Amino acid sequence: MIRRHELSDVEREFVRPPLPVSLRGRKRLDDRMALNGTVWKFGTGVAWRGVPERYGPWTTLHTRLRRWAKDGTFERMLQAAQAQADAAADIDWLVSADSTIVRAHHHAAGARKGGAGHGDVREAA
């Protein structure tokens, strides 16, 4: 039974290829369980310690998330999803930014520090 905030079989098969394979060491928590626990955590917004035990130890989920983020696993998943959407013509790569709505703090606009105004002129020594 698939619960809310868990990966379906189709989603699981999609994300399987980018996942790293560990062939050494002791038997580890299944990647699907780790992904489901992580998806559940972020889908519900609870703290790591609040993740149900059915997903495994929260420390394992957190460690796996950090490891996958650091080694580029999630980047590969995103690239695979983008490639699949691009091949199916489901993605539009046009991006537009209108600078009239981008606000900058007055300090970022070149204002002088220390309160010196525009009319202040310093004499050369």
N, C-alpha and C. Protein backbone atom coordinates (compact mmCIF):
# COMPACT_ATOMS: atom_id res chain seq x y z
N MET A 1 0.84 -1.18 0.00
CA MET A 1 0.00 0.00 0.00
C MET A 1 0.89 1.25 0.00
N ILE A 2 0.63 2.14 -0.93
CA ILE A 2 1.38 3.38 -0.99
C ILE A 2 0.68 4.41 -0.11
N ARG A 3 1.43 4.97 0.78
CA ARG A 3 0.89 5.99 1.66
C ARG A 3 1.14 7.37 1.07
N ARG A 4 0.44 8.32 1.61
CA ARG A 4 0.65 9.71 1.21
C ARG A 4 2.10 10.08 1.48
N HIS A 5 2.70 10.85 0.64
CA HIS A 5 4.09 11.31 0.73
C HIS A 5 5.09 10.19 0.48
N GLU A 6 4.71 9.14 -0.23
CA GLU A 6 5.64 8.08 -0.58
C GLU A 6 5.74 7.95 -2.09
N LEU A 7 6.85 7.40 -2.55
CA LEU A 7 7.06 7.23 -3.98
C LEU A 7 6.27 6.05 -4.51
N SER A 8 5.67 6.24 -5.68
CA SER A 8 4.98 5.14 -6.35
C SER A 8 6.03 4.23 -7.00
N ASP A 9 5.60 3.09 -7.52
CA ASP A 9 6.52 2.19 -8.21
C ASP A 9 7.13 2.84 -9.43
N VAL A 10 6.34 3.63 -10.16
CA VAL A 10 6.84 4.32 -11.35
C VAL A 10 7.89 5.36 -10.96
N GLU A 11 7.61 6.13 -9.90
CA GLU A 11 8.58 7.12 -9.43
C GLU A 11 9.85 6.45 -8.92
N ARG A 12 9.68 5.34 -8.24
CA ARG A 12 10.83 4.61 -7.71
C ARG A 12 11.73 4.11 -8.85
N GLU A 13 11.13 3.58 -9.90
CA GLU A 13 11.92 3.10 -11.04
C GLU A 13 12.62 4.26 -11.75
N PHE A 14 12.01 5.43 -11.73
CA PHE A 14 12.61 6.60 -12.37
C PHE A 14 13.85 7.06 -11.62
N VAL A 15 13.80 7.06 -10.28
CA VAL A 15 14.92 7.57 -9.50
C VAL A 15 15.97 6.52 -9.18
N ARG A 16 15.72 5.27 -9.51
CA ARG A 16 16.69 4.21 -9.18
C ARG A 16 18.03 4.38 -9.89
N PRO A 17 18.09 4.64 -11.21
CA PRO A 17 19.40 4.72 -11.88
C PRO A 17 20.38 5.75 -11.30
N PRO A 18 19.94 6.94 -10.91
CA PRO A 18 20.93 7.89 -10.36
C PRO A 18 21.44 7.55 -8.96
N LEU A 19 20.76 6.64 -8.26
CA LEU A 19 21.19 6.31 -6.89
C LEU A 19 22.52 5.57 -6.90
N PRO A 20 23.41 5.94 -5.97
CA PRO A 20 24.69 5.23 -5.89
C PRO A 20 24.48 3.81 -5.38
N VAL A 21 25.35 2.91 -5.80
CA VAL A 21 25.28 1.51 -5.39
C VAL A 21 26.41 1.24 -4.41
N SER A 22 26.08 0.69 -3.26
CA SER A 22 27.07 0.35 -2.25
C SER A 22 27.18 -1.16 -2.18
N LEU A 23 28.34 -1.69 -2.52
CA LEU A 23 28.55 -3.14 -2.53
C LEU A 23 29.35 -3.64 -1.34
N ARG A 24 29.80 -2.77 -0.49
CA ARG A 24 30.61 -3.20 0.64
C ARG A 24 29.97 -2.76 1.95
N GLY A 25 30.45 -3.32 3.01
CA GLY A 25 29.93 -2.98 4.33
C GLY A 25 28.72 -3.82 4.67
N ARG A 26 28.10 -3.51 5.78
CA ARG A 26 26.95 -4.28 6.23
C ARG A 26 25.70 -3.90 5.46
N LYS A 27 24.69 -4.74 5.58
CA LYS A 27 23.42 -4.48 4.89
C LYS A 27 22.85 -3.16 5.38
N ARG A 28 22.46 -2.35 4.45
CA ARG A 28 21.98 -1.02 4.81
C ARG A 28 20.50 -0.88 4.51
N LEU A 29 19.92 0.20 5.01
CA LEU A 29 18.51 0.50 4.79
C LEU A 29 18.26 0.64 3.29
N ASP A 30 17.19 0.04 2.81
CA ASP A 30 16.81 0.11 1.41
C ASP A 30 16.67 1.57 0.97
N ASP A 31 17.17 1.87 -0.23
CA ASP A 31 17.10 3.24 -0.74
C ASP A 31 15.66 3.73 -0.87
N ARG A 32 14.76 2.84 -1.25
CA ARG A 32 13.36 3.26 -1.38
C ARG A 32 12.81 3.72 -0.04
N MET A 33 13.15 2.99 1.03
CA MET A 33 12.70 3.39 2.37
C MET A 33 13.31 4.74 2.76
N ALA A 34 14.59 4.91 2.44
CA ALA A 34 15.25 6.17 2.76
C ALA A 34 14.61 7.32 1.99
N LEU A 35 14.33 7.10 0.71
CA LEU A 35 13.67 8.15 -0.08
C LEU A 35 12.27 8.43 0.44
N ASN A 36 11.51 7.37 0.75
CA ASN A 36 10.16 7.56 1.27
C ASN A 36 10.18 8.32 2.59
N GLY A 37 11.11 7.98 3.45
CA GLY A 37 11.23 8.69 4.72
C GLY A 37 11.58 10.15 4.54
N THR A 38 12.48 10.42 3.60
CA THR A 38 12.88 11.80 3.33
C THR A 38 11.74 12.58 2.69
N VAL A 39 11.05 11.96 1.74
CA VAL A 39 9.89 12.61 1.11
C VAL A 39 8.81 12.87 2.16
N TRP A 40 8.58 11.90 3.05
CA TRP A 40 7.58 12.07 4.11
C TRP A 40 7.98 13.22 5.03
N LYS A 41 9.25 13.27 5.40
CA LYS A 41 9.73 14.34 6.29
C LYS A 41 9.48 15.72 5.70
N PHE A 42 9.88 15.91 4.43
CA PHE A 42 9.73 17.22 3.81
C PHE A 42 8.29 17.49 3.40
N GLY A 43 7.52 16.45 3.10
CA GLY A 43 6.11 16.62 2.75
C GLY A 43 5.26 17.04 3.93
N THR A 44 5.64 16.60 5.12
CA THR A 44 4.86 16.93 6.32
C THR A 44 5.45 18.09 7.09
N GLY A 45 6.74 18.33 6.93
CA GLY A 45 7.38 19.45 7.62
C GLY A 45 7.78 19.16 9.05
N VAL A 46 7.78 17.90 9.46
CA VAL A 46 8.16 17.57 10.83
C VAL A 46 9.67 17.58 10.98
N ALA A 47 10.13 17.57 12.22
CA ALA A 47 11.56 17.46 12.50
C ALA A 47 12.02 16.05 12.17
N TRP A 48 13.32 15.88 11.97
CA TRP A 48 13.86 14.56 11.64
C TRP A 48 13.45 13.52 12.67
N ARG A 49 13.46 13.89 13.94
CA ARG A 49 13.10 12.94 14.99
C ARG A 49 11.64 12.52 14.94
N GLY A 50 10.81 13.24 14.19
CA GLY A 50 9.40 12.94 14.08
C GLY A 50 9.05 11.98 12.94
N VAL A 51 10.05 11.56 12.17
CA VAL A 51 9.79 10.64 11.05
C VAL A 51 9.43 9.27 11.64
N PRO A 52 8.34 8.66 11.17
CA PRO A 52 7.93 7.35 11.70
C PRO A 52 9.03 6.30 11.57
N GLU A 53 9.08 5.40 12.54
CA GLU A 53 10.11 4.36 12.58
C GLU A 53 10.02 3.40 11.41
N ARG A 54 8.88 3.31 10.73
CA ARG A 54 8.75 2.39 9.59
C ARG A 54 9.71 2.74 8.45
N TYR A 55 10.23 3.98 8.46
CA TYR A 55 11.18 4.40 7.43
C TYR A 55 12.63 4.15 7.84
N GLY A 56 12.85 3.69 9.04
CA GLY A 56 14.20 3.46 9.54
C GLY A 56 14.61 4.58 10.48
N PRO A 57 15.81 4.45 11.04
CA PRO A 57 16.28 5.48 11.97
C PRO A 57 16.40 6.84 11.29
N TRP A 58 15.95 7.88 11.98
CA TRP A 58 16.00 9.21 11.39
C TRP A 58 17.42 9.63 11.10
N THR A 59 18.38 9.15 11.90
CA THR A 59 19.78 9.51 11.66
C THR A 59 20.27 8.94 10.33
N THR A 60 19.80 7.73 9.99
CA THR A 60 20.17 7.12 8.71
C THR A 60 19.59 7.92 7.56
N LEU A 61 18.33 8.33 7.69
CA LEU A 61 17.69 9.13 6.63
C LEU A 61 18.43 10.44 6.43
N HIS A 62 18.76 11.09 7.53
CA HIS A 62 19.45 12.38 7.45
C HIS A 62 20.84 12.22 6.82
N THR A 63 21.56 11.19 7.25
CA THR A 63 22.89 10.94 6.70
C THR A 63 22.83 10.63 5.21
N ARG A 64 21.87 9.81 4.83
CA ARG A 64 21.71 9.45 3.41
C ARG A 64 21.37 10.70 2.59
N LEU A 65 20.48 11.54 3.09
CA LEU A 65 20.12 12.79 2.40
C LEU A 65 21.36 13.66 2.20
N ARG A 66 22.13 13.84 3.24
CA ARG A 66 23.33 14.68 3.14
C ARG A 66 24.35 14.08 2.17
N ARG A 67 24.53 12.75 2.22
CA ARG A 67 25.48 12.09 1.33
C ARG A 67 25.04 12.23 -0.12
N TRP A 68 23.76 12.01 -0.38
CA TRP A 68 23.26 12.12 -1.75
C TRP A 68 23.32 13.56 -2.26
N ALA A 69 23.08 14.52 -1.40
CA ALA A 69 23.18 15.92 -1.81
C ALA A 69 24.63 16.26 -2.15
N LYS A 70 25.55 15.76 -1.34
CA LYS A 70 26.97 16.08 -1.54
C LYS A 70 27.56 15.40 -2.79
N ASP A 71 27.15 14.15 -3.05
CA ASP A 71 27.75 13.43 -4.18
C ASP A 71 27.03 13.68 -5.51
N GLY A 72 26.01 14.54 -5.52
CA GLY A 72 25.36 14.91 -6.78
C GLY A 72 24.20 14.02 -7.19
N THR A 73 23.76 13.13 -6.31
CA THR A 73 22.66 12.22 -6.65
C THR A 73 21.39 12.99 -7.01
N PHE A 74 21.05 13.99 -6.20
CA PHE A 74 19.83 14.75 -6.47
C PHE A 74 19.97 15.58 -7.75
N GLU A 75 21.16 16.05 -8.02
CA GLU A 75 21.41 16.78 -9.27
C GLU A 75 21.19 15.86 -10.48
N ARG A 76 21.66 14.62 -10.38
CA ARG A 76 21.44 13.65 -11.46
C ARG A 76 19.96 13.33 -11.62
N MET A 77 19.22 13.24 -10.50
CA MET A 77 17.78 12.99 -10.58
C MET A 77 17.08 14.15 -11.30
N LEU A 78 17.47 15.37 -10.96
CA LEU A 78 16.87 16.54 -11.61
C LEU A 78 17.19 16.56 -13.10
N GLN A 79 18.43 16.27 -13.44
CA GLN A 79 18.81 16.25 -14.86
C GLN A 79 18.05 15.18 -15.63
N ALA A 80 17.85 14.02 -15.01
CA ALA A 80 17.10 12.95 -15.67
C ALA A 80 15.64 13.36 -15.86
N ALA A 81 15.07 14.01 -14.86
CA ALA A 81 13.67 14.47 -14.97
C ALA A 81 13.54 15.54 -16.05
N GLN A 82 14.51 16.44 -16.11
CA GLN A 82 14.48 17.48 -17.14
C GLN A 82 14.66 16.88 -18.53
N ALA A 83 15.55 15.91 -18.67
CA ALA A 83 15.77 15.27 -19.97
C ALA A 83 14.52 14.54 -20.42
N GLN A 84 13.86 13.84 -19.50
CA GLN A 84 12.64 13.12 -19.85
C GLN A 84 11.53 14.10 -20.25
N ALA A 85 11.38 15.19 -19.51
CA ALA A 85 10.36 16.18 -19.84
C ALA A 85 10.68 16.88 -21.15
N ASP A 86 11.97 17.13 -21.40
CA ASP A 86 12.37 17.79 -22.64
C ASP A 86 12.11 16.87 -23.84
N ALA A 87 12.40 15.59 -23.70
CA ALA A 87 12.16 14.63 -24.79
C ALA A 87 10.67 14.50 -25.10
N ALA A 88 9.83 14.66 -24.09
CA ALA A 88 8.38 14.56 -24.28
C ALA A 88 7.76 15.92 -24.60
N ALA A 89 8.60 16.95 -24.76
CA ALA A 89 8.15 18.32 -25.04
C ALA A 89 7.21 18.83 -23.94
N ASP A 90 7.49 18.42 -22.70
CA ASP A 90 6.68 18.86 -21.57
C ASP A 90 7.32 20.00 -20.79
N ILE A 91 8.43 20.52 -21.29
CA ILE A 91 9.13 21.57 -20.56
C ILE A 91 9.45 22.71 -21.52
N ASP A 92 9.32 23.92 -21.04
CA ASP A 92 9.61 25.11 -21.83
C ASP A 92 10.82 25.79 -21.20
N TRP A 93 11.88 25.93 -21.97
CA TRP A 93 13.14 26.45 -21.42
C TRP A 93 13.24 27.97 -21.50
N LEU A 94 12.20 28.64 -21.93
CA LEU A 94 12.22 30.09 -22.01
C LEU A 94 12.13 30.70 -20.62
N VAL A 95 13.07 31.58 -20.31
CA VAL A 95 13.09 32.23 -19.01
C VAL A 95 13.19 33.73 -19.26
N SER A 96 12.42 34.49 -18.52
CA SER A 96 12.44 35.93 -18.67
C SER A 96 12.46 36.58 -17.29
N ALA A 97 13.31 37.57 -17.12
CA ALA A 97 13.37 38.31 -15.86
C ALA A 97 13.16 39.78 -16.18
N ASP A 98 12.20 40.38 -15.56
CA ASP A 98 11.90 41.78 -15.77
C ASP A 98 12.55 42.58 -14.64
N SER A 99 13.53 43.38 -14.98
CA SER A 99 14.30 44.11 -13.96
C SER A 99 13.48 45.18 -13.26
N THR A 100 12.32 45.52 -13.77
CA THR A 100 11.52 46.55 -13.11
C THR A 100 10.93 46.06 -11.80
N ILE A 101 10.90 44.75 -11.58
CA ILE A 101 10.36 44.24 -10.33
C ILE A 101 11.43 43.75 -9.37
N VAL A 102 12.70 43.87 -9.76
CA VAL A 102 13.79 43.45 -8.90
C VAL A 102 14.19 44.64 -8.04
N ARG A 103 14.02 44.47 -6.76
CA ARG A 103 14.32 45.56 -5.82
C ARG A 103 15.69 45.34 -5.18
N ALA A 104 16.40 46.42 -4.99
CA ALA A 104 17.69 46.35 -4.30
C ALA A 104 17.64 47.29 -3.10
N HIS A 105 18.32 46.89 -2.06
CA HIS A 105 18.43 47.74 -0.87
C HIS A 105 19.22 48.98 -1.26
N HIS A 106 18.95 50.11 -0.62
CA HIS A 106 19.64 51.34 -1.02
C HIS A 106 21.15 51.24 -0.85
N HIS A 107 21.64 50.40 0.04
CA HIS A 107 23.09 50.22 0.17
C HIS A 107 23.66 49.49 -1.04
N ALA A 108 22.85 48.66 -1.69
CA ALA A 108 23.32 47.95 -2.88
C ALA A 108 23.31 48.85 -4.10
N ALA A 109 22.67 50.01 -3.99
CA ALA A 109 22.55 50.91 -5.13
C ALA A 109 23.69 51.93 -5.18
N GLY A 110 24.70 51.78 -4.33
CA GLY A 110 25.85 52.67 -4.37
C GLY A 110 25.80 53.83 -3.40
N ALA A 111 24.92 53.77 -2.43
CA ALA A 111 24.86 54.84 -1.43
C ALA A 111 26.14 54.85 -0.61
N ARG A 112 26.55 56.03 -0.22
CA ARG A 112 27.78 56.15 0.55
C ARG A 112 27.59 55.67 1.98
N LYS A 113 28.63 55.11 2.53
CA LYS A 113 28.61 54.69 3.92
C LYS A 113 28.96 55.89 4.80
N GLY A 114 28.44 55.90 6.01
CA GLY A 114 28.80 56.95 6.96
C GLY A 114 27.97 58.21 6.81
N GLY A 115 27.01 58.23 5.94
CA GLY A 115 26.10 59.36 5.83
C GLY A 115 26.59 60.53 5.02
N ALA A 116 27.70 60.42 4.34
CA ALA A 116 28.18 61.53 3.51
C ALA A 116 27.25 61.72 2.33
N GLY A 117 26.82 62.95 2.09
CA GLY A 117 25.90 63.23 1.00
C GLY A 117 26.60 63.42 -0.32
N HIS A 118 25.81 63.65 -1.37
CA HIS A 118 26.36 63.80 -2.72
C HIS A 118 27.13 65.12 -2.87
N GLY A 119 26.74 66.14 -2.13
CA GLY A 119 27.39 67.44 -2.28
C GLY A 119 28.67 67.59 -1.49
N ASP A 120 29.03 66.63 -0.66
CA ASP A 120 30.23 66.71 0.14
C ASP A 120 31.45 66.57 -0.74
N VAL A 121 32.38 67.50 -0.61
CA VAL A 121 33.60 67.47 -1.39
C VAL A 121 34.76 67.46 -0.44
N ARG A 122 35.67 66.54 -0.60
CA ARG A 122 36.84 66.46 0.27
C ARG A 122 38.01 67.16 -0.43
N GLU A 123 38.75 67.90 0.35
CA GLU A 123 39.89 68.59 -0.20
C GLU A 123 41.09 67.66 -0.23
N ALA A 124 41.89 67.78 -1.27
CA ALA A 124 43.10 66.96 -1.39
C ALA A 124 44.14 67.47 -0.42
N ALA A 125 44.85 66.57 0.21
CA ALA A 125 45.85 66.97 1.20
C ALA A 125 47.17 67.23 0.56
